[in-house]
Amino acid sequence: MTVTHNLPDGPKLPYFVRLFKFITQPTGYLEDFARVYGDNFTIWRQNKENQIVYFSHPQALEQIFTADGKYFQSGGGAVV
């Protein structure tokens, strides 16, 4: 299986700068990035392999939660 990452753009700030802002201003953290990058943006984690994609548009959220499960990969985070 070939995995492709067509993820939305996101902030390039250093990890600890983003972490500090997230801890001190969690709402501002999301609102500021949404203002700059739009309704969908990607936050890259410190290890550069794991990412979090934020969606804030109601229709996008509806499509995600009602989509067929075959479009999603699951279980990878449950490795012990």
N, C-alpha and C. Protein backbone atom coordinates (compact mmCIF):
# COMPACT_ATOMS: atom_id res chain seq x y z
N MET A 1 0.85 -1.19 0.00
CA MET A 1 0.00 0.00 0.00
C MET A 1 0.88 1.24 0.00
N THR A 2 0.56 2.18 -0.82
CA THR A 2 1.30 3.44 -0.89
C THR A 2 0.54 4.50 -0.11
N VAL A 3 1.24 5.14 0.79
CA VAL A 3 0.64 6.20 1.59
C VAL A 3 1.10 7.54 1.05
N THR A 4 0.18 8.41 0.78
CA THR A 4 0.53 9.76 0.34
C THR A 4 0.00 10.74 1.36
N HIS A 5 0.71 11.80 1.54
CA HIS A 5 0.31 12.81 2.50
C HIS A 5 0.00 14.10 1.77
N ASN A 6 -1.25 14.31 1.50
CA ASN A 6 -1.71 15.56 0.90
C ASN A 6 -2.41 16.35 2.00
N LEU A 7 -1.62 16.84 2.92
CA LEU A 7 -2.16 17.52 4.09
C LEU A 7 -2.18 19.02 3.87
N PRO A 8 -3.12 19.71 4.52
CA PRO A 8 -3.15 21.17 4.41
C PRO A 8 -1.90 21.78 5.05
N ASP A 9 -1.57 22.97 4.62
CA ASP A 9 -0.42 23.70 5.16
C ASP A 9 -0.68 24.04 6.63
N GLY A 10 0.38 24.36 7.33
CA GLY A 10 0.25 24.71 8.74
C GLY A 10 1.46 25.50 9.21
N PRO A 11 1.47 25.88 10.47
CA PRO A 11 2.55 26.72 11.00
C PRO A 11 3.89 26.00 11.00
N LYS A 12 4.93 26.77 10.77
CA LYS A 12 6.29 26.23 10.77
C LYS A 12 7.07 26.67 12.01
N LEU A 13 6.35 27.15 13.00
CA LEU A 13 7.00 27.58 14.24
C LEU A 13 7.66 26.40 14.93
N PRO A 14 8.74 26.64 15.66
CA PRO A 14 9.37 25.55 16.41
C PRO A 14 8.38 24.90 17.39
N TYR A 15 8.58 23.62 17.64
CA TYR A 15 7.68 22.84 18.48
C TYR A 15 7.44 23.48 19.84
N PHE A 16 8.50 23.91 20.52
CA PHE A 16 8.34 24.44 21.88
C PHE A 16 7.63 25.79 21.89
N VAL A 17 7.76 26.57 20.83
CA VAL A 17 7.02 27.84 20.73
C VAL A 17 5.52 27.53 20.62
N ARG A 18 5.19 26.56 19.75
CA ARG A 18 3.78 26.17 19.60
C ARG A 18 3.23 25.57 20.89
N LEU A 19 4.03 24.74 21.54
CA LEU A 19 3.59 24.11 22.79
C LEU A 19 3.32 25.17 23.87
N PHE A 20 4.19 26.15 23.98
CA PHE A 20 4.00 27.22 24.97
C PHE A 20 2.71 27.98 24.68
N LYS A 21 2.47 28.32 23.40
CA LYS A 21 1.25 29.04 23.06
C LYS A 21 0.02 28.18 23.32
N PHE A 22 0.12 26.89 23.02
CA PHE A 22 -1.01 25.99 23.26
C PHE A 22 -1.35 25.91 24.75
N ILE A 23 -0.34 25.87 25.60
CA ILE A 23 -0.56 25.78 27.05
C ILE A 23 -1.08 27.08 27.62
N THR A 24 -0.53 28.20 27.16
CA THR A 24 -0.90 29.50 27.74
C THR A 24 -2.13 30.13 27.10
N GLN A 25 -2.38 29.85 25.83
CA GLN A 25 -3.51 30.44 25.12
C GLN A 25 -4.16 29.42 24.18
N PRO A 26 -4.79 28.38 24.70
CA PRO A 26 -5.28 27.32 23.83
C PRO A 26 -6.29 27.77 22.78
N THR A 27 -7.19 28.66 23.14
CA THR A 27 -8.17 29.14 22.16
C THR A 27 -7.50 30.04 21.14
N GLY A 28 -6.64 30.93 21.60
CA GLY A 28 -5.91 31.81 20.69
C GLY A 28 -5.02 31.03 19.74
N TYR A 29 -4.45 29.95 20.24
CA TYR A 29 -3.59 29.07 19.43
C TYR A 29 -4.34 28.61 18.19
N LEU A 30 -5.53 28.06 18.38
CA LEU A 30 -6.32 27.56 17.26
C LEU A 30 -6.88 28.68 16.39
N GLU A 31 -7.36 29.74 17.01
CA GLU A 31 -7.93 30.85 16.25
C GLU A 31 -6.89 31.55 15.38
N ASP A 32 -5.69 31.76 15.92
CA ASP A 32 -4.63 32.42 15.16
C ASP A 32 -4.22 31.60 13.94
N PHE A 33 -4.05 30.30 14.13
CA PHE A 33 -3.65 29.46 13.00
C PHE A 33 -4.77 29.35 11.97
N ALA A 34 -6.01 29.27 12.43
CA ALA A 34 -7.15 29.21 11.51
C ALA A 34 -7.26 30.50 10.71
N ARG A 35 -6.96 31.63 11.33
CA ARG A 35 -6.99 32.91 10.64
C ARG A 35 -5.95 32.96 9.52
N VAL A 36 -4.79 32.40 9.77
CA VAL A 36 -3.70 32.44 8.79
C VAL A 36 -3.85 31.34 7.74
N TYR A 37 -4.18 30.11 8.16
CA TYR A 37 -4.16 28.96 7.26
C TYR A 37 -5.53 28.50 6.80
N GLY A 38 -6.59 29.08 7.32
CA GLY A 38 -7.94 28.70 6.89
C GLY A 38 -8.57 27.67 7.81
N ASP A 39 -9.67 27.08 7.33
CA ASP A 39 -10.46 26.15 8.14
C ASP A 39 -9.73 24.85 8.45
N ASN A 40 -8.80 24.45 7.59
CA ASN A 40 -8.07 23.20 7.77
C ASN A 40 -6.58 23.51 7.82
N PHE A 41 -5.90 23.01 8.83
CA PHE A 41 -4.44 23.19 8.88
C PHE A 41 -3.81 22.04 9.64
N THR A 42 -2.53 21.83 9.37
CA THR A 42 -1.80 20.70 9.94
C THR A 42 -0.79 21.19 10.96
N ILE A 43 -0.77 20.53 12.09
CA ILE A 43 0.25 20.79 13.12
C ILE A 43 1.20 19.60 13.11
N TRP A 44 2.46 19.86 12.83
CA TRP A 44 3.47 18.79 12.82
C TRP A 44 4.01 18.62 14.22
N ARG A 45 4.06 17.39 14.67
CA ARG A 45 4.57 17.07 16.00
C ARG A 45 6.09 17.14 16.02
N GLN A 46 6.67 17.03 17.17
CA GLN A 46 8.11 17.17 17.35
C GLN A 46 8.90 16.14 16.53
N ASN A 47 8.40 14.92 16.42
CA ASN A 47 9.14 13.88 15.71
C ASN A 47 8.95 13.95 14.20
N LYS A 48 8.20 14.90 13.70
CA LYS A 48 7.97 15.14 12.27
C LYS A 48 7.23 14.01 11.56
N GLU A 49 6.91 12.93 12.24
CA GLU A 49 6.19 11.83 11.61
C GLU A 49 4.71 11.86 11.93
N ASN A 50 4.37 12.26 13.13
CA ASN A 50 2.97 12.32 13.54
C ASN A 50 2.47 13.74 13.38
N GLN A 51 1.29 13.86 12.83
CA GLN A 51 0.73 15.19 12.64
C GLN A 51 -0.73 15.19 13.08
N ILE A 52 -1.20 16.38 13.36
CA ILE A 52 -2.59 16.56 13.74
C ILE A 52 -3.19 17.53 12.73
N VAL A 53 -4.29 17.15 12.13
CA VAL A 53 -4.97 18.02 11.18
C VAL A 53 -6.22 18.55 11.86
N TYR A 54 -6.32 19.87 11.93
CA TYR A 54 -7.48 20.52 12.53
C TYR A 54 -8.47 20.89 11.44
N PHE A 55 -9.74 20.62 11.69
CA PHE A 55 -10.83 21.00 10.80
C PHE A 55 -11.81 21.83 11.62
N SER A 56 -12.18 22.98 11.10
CA SER A 56 -13.10 23.81 11.87
C SER A 56 -14.38 24.15 11.13
N HIS A 57 -14.47 23.78 9.87
CA HIS A 57 -15.69 24.07 9.12
C HIS A 57 -16.73 22.99 9.42
N PRO A 58 -17.94 23.36 9.78
CA PRO A 58 -18.96 22.37 10.16
C PRO A 58 -19.24 21.33 9.07
N GLN A 59 -19.24 21.72 7.81
CA GLN A 59 -19.52 20.74 6.75
C GLN A 59 -18.38 19.74 6.61
N ALA A 60 -17.14 20.17 6.81
CA ALA A 60 -16.01 19.25 6.77
C ALA A 60 -16.11 18.23 7.89
N LEU A 61 -16.48 18.70 9.06
CA LEU A 61 -16.63 17.79 10.20
C LEU A 61 -17.76 16.78 9.95
N GLU A 62 -18.84 17.23 9.36
CA GLU A 62 -19.93 16.32 9.05
C GLU A 62 -19.49 15.24 8.06
N GLN A 63 -18.74 15.64 7.04
CA GLN A 63 -18.25 14.67 6.06
C GLN A 63 -17.30 13.66 6.70
N ILE A 64 -16.46 14.12 7.60
CA ILE A 64 -15.51 13.22 8.27
C ILE A 64 -16.25 12.20 9.11
N PHE A 65 -17.20 12.64 9.91
CA PHE A 65 -17.87 11.75 10.85
C PHE A 65 -18.94 10.86 10.21
N THR A 66 -19.31 11.15 8.96
CA THR A 66 -20.29 10.31 8.29
C THR A 66 -19.67 9.52 7.13
N ALA A 67 -18.38 9.63 6.92
CA ALA A 67 -17.70 8.94 5.82
C ALA A 67 -17.60 7.44 6.10
N ASP A 68 -17.45 6.69 5.04
CA ASP A 68 -17.25 5.25 5.14
C ASP A 68 -15.91 4.96 5.80
N GLY A 69 -15.88 4.04 6.74
CA GLY A 69 -14.68 3.73 7.50
C GLY A 69 -13.52 3.22 6.67
N LYS A 70 -13.77 2.76 5.46
CA LYS A 70 -12.68 2.23 4.62
C LYS A 70 -11.71 3.32 4.18
N TYR A 71 -12.10 4.60 4.34
CA TYR A 71 -11.23 5.70 3.95
C TYR A 71 -10.25 6.11 5.05
N PHE A 72 -10.33 5.46 6.19
CA PHE A 72 -9.49 5.85 7.32
C PHE A 72 -8.61 4.69 7.76
N GLN A 73 -7.44 5.03 8.23
CA GLN A 73 -6.53 4.04 8.81
C GLN A 73 -6.71 4.12 10.32
N SER A 74 -6.85 2.97 10.95
CA SER A 74 -7.03 2.98 12.40
C SER A 74 -6.19 1.90 13.04
N GLY A 75 -5.97 2.05 14.32
CA GLY A 75 -5.26 1.05 15.10
C GLY A 75 -3.76 1.24 15.19
N GLY A 76 -3.18 2.14 14.41
CA GLY A 76 -1.74 2.35 14.42
C GLY A 76 -1.23 2.95 15.72
N GLY A 77 -2.07 3.71 16.39
CA GLY A 77 -1.64 4.35 17.63
C GLY A 77 -1.77 3.47 18.85
N ALA A 78 -2.32 2.28 18.68
CA ALA A 78 -2.56 1.40 19.82
C ALA A 78 -1.45 0.37 20.01
N VAL A 79 -0.29 0.61 19.41
CA VAL A 79 0.81 -0.35 19.52
C VAL A 79 1.38 -0.32 20.93
N VAL A 80 1.52 -1.48 21.53
CA VAL A 80 2.05 -1.58 22.90
C VAL A 80 3.46 -2.13 22.85
